[in-house]
Protein backbone atom coordinates (compact mmCIF):
# COMPACT_ATOMS: atom_id res chain seq x y z
CA MET A 1 38.34 -130.07 -38.65
CA SER A 2 40.54 -129.70 -41.64
CA ASN A 3 42.67 -126.75 -42.17
CA PRO A 4 41.88 -125.11 -45.95
CA HIS A 5 45.61 -124.66 -46.59
CA ASP A 6 46.15 -128.58 -46.38
CA ALA A 7 43.97 -128.80 -49.25
CA PRO A 8 45.69 -130.35 -52.42
CA ASP A 9 46.38 -127.87 -55.03
CA VAL A 10 43.41 -127.16 -57.35
CA PRO A 11 44.37 -125.78 -60.74
CA GLU A 12 43.72 -122.28 -61.45
CA PRO A 13 40.34 -121.69 -63.77
CA PRO A 14 41.02 -120.08 -66.99
CA TYR A 15 38.76 -117.15 -66.44
CA LEU A 16 40.55 -116.07 -63.21
CA LYS A 17 44.26 -116.45 -64.99
CA THR A 18 42.74 -114.00 -67.95
CA LEU A 19 40.88 -111.69 -64.98
CA ARG A 20 44.30 -111.40 -63.32
CA ARG A 21 45.95 -110.80 -66.44
CA LEU A 22 43.23 -107.83 -67.32
CA VAL A 23 43.57 -106.22 -63.69
CA THR A 24 47.56 -106.26 -64.30
CA LEU A 25 47.18 -104.76 -67.79
CA LEU A 26 44.74 -102.16 -66.49
CA THR A 27 47.11 -101.23 -63.58
CA ALA A 28 50.05 -100.71 -66.15
CA THR A 29 47.75 -98.66 -68.22
CA MET A 30 46.86 -96.05 -65.15
CA ILE A 31 50.58 -96.19 -64.34
CA ALA A 32 51.29 -95.17 -67.91
CA GLY A 33 48.37 -92.46 -68.23
CA MET A 34 49.33 -90.85 -64.99
CA ALA A 35 53.04 -90.56 -66.02
CA ALA A 36 51.86 -89.00 -69.34
CA ILE A 37 49.67 -86.40 -67.53
CA PHE A 38 52.50 -85.18 -65.16
CA VAL A 39 54.80 -85.12 -68.15
CA LEU A 40 52.29 -83.12 -69.80
CA MET A 41 51.50 -80.71 -67.30
CA ALA A 42 55.65 -80.06 -66.58
CA ILE A 43 55.73 -79.22 -70.38
CA ARG A 44 52.62 -76.98 -70.10
CA LEU A 45 53.83 -75.27 -66.86
CA ASN A 46 57.27 -74.42 -68.07
CA SER A 47 56.52 -72.97 -71.33
CA PRO A 48 55.57 -69.21 -71.70
CA SER A 49 51.62 -68.81 -71.29
CA ALA A 50 51.31 -65.32 -72.97
CA PRO A 51 52.98 -62.35 -74.98
CA PRO A 52 54.64 -59.98 -72.69
CA LEU A 53 52.23 -57.26 -71.55
CA PRO A 54 53.14 -53.68 -72.27
CA GLU A 55 54.15 -51.37 -69.50
CA ARG A 56 51.40 -48.83 -70.35
CA ILE A 57 48.44 -48.48 -72.28
CA THR A 58 46.95 -44.74 -72.75
CA LEU A 59 43.09 -44.93 -73.28
CA PRO A 60 41.33 -41.91 -74.43
CA ASP A 61 39.73 -39.74 -71.97
CA GLY A 62 36.48 -40.56 -70.41
CA THR A 63 36.73 -44.42 -71.00
CA THR A 64 36.51 -47.28 -68.54
CA PRO A 65 37.81 -50.40 -69.45
CA THR A 66 35.50 -53.66 -68.92
CA ALA A 67 37.73 -56.14 -70.67
CA PHE A 68 41.02 -57.05 -71.91
CA ALA A 69 42.43 -59.34 -74.59
CA GLN A 70 45.76 -59.84 -76.43
CA THR A 71 46.87 -61.92 -79.04
CA PRO A 72 50.41 -61.53 -80.96
CA GLN A 73 49.17 -59.03 -83.77
CA TYR A 74 46.94 -56.68 -81.39
CA ILE A 75 45.36 -55.79 -78.06
CA ALA A 76 41.77 -55.02 -77.58
CA ILE A 77 40.31 -53.15 -75.05
CA THR A 78 36.46 -53.33 -74.20
CA THR A 79 34.54 -50.43 -72.93
CA PRO A 80 30.61 -50.16 -72.63
CA THR A 81 30.45 -48.55 -75.98
CA GLN A 82 33.41 -49.48 -77.97
CA VAL A 83 36.25 -51.88 -78.61
CA LEU A 84 39.65 -50.10 -78.60
CA ILE A 85 42.30 -52.06 -80.99
CA TYR A 86 45.79 -51.48 -80.24
CA SER A 87 49.30 -52.52 -81.44
CA PRO A 88 50.94 -55.46 -79.70
CA ASP A 89 53.27 -53.17 -78.05
CA GLY A 90 50.26 -50.87 -76.77
CA THR A 91 51.73 -47.44 -78.17
CA GLU A 92 49.54 -47.15 -81.21
CA LEU A 93 45.73 -47.06 -81.17
CA ARG A 94 44.80 -48.61 -84.62
CA ARG A 95 41.15 -48.78 -84.70
CA THR A 96 38.05 -47.90 -82.74
CA ILE A 97 34.77 -49.92 -83.24
CA THR A 98 31.81 -48.39 -81.69
CA LEU A 99 29.05 -50.94 -80.23
CA ASP A 100 25.38 -50.72 -81.02
């Protein structure tokens, strides 16, 4: 019985060389992609996520807040019947929008 390791060297087929290069390129691309994802996550997690929240917002009597939204220009608080628009620091009620 002959040992397969004793066989004479056979040249590598061209398609196998191409396949090996493609697999190596895919591996390098995946490593670069994962590194980019980690870098972007680190940048995103270290950046400030939102404007600071005010210490206190005084709502009109009898209102029950159901939603809160904040932008750099205003704070919006939604109740079942209206939307209350406040200044960014939460001290001044700028507008009341009644919902139908």
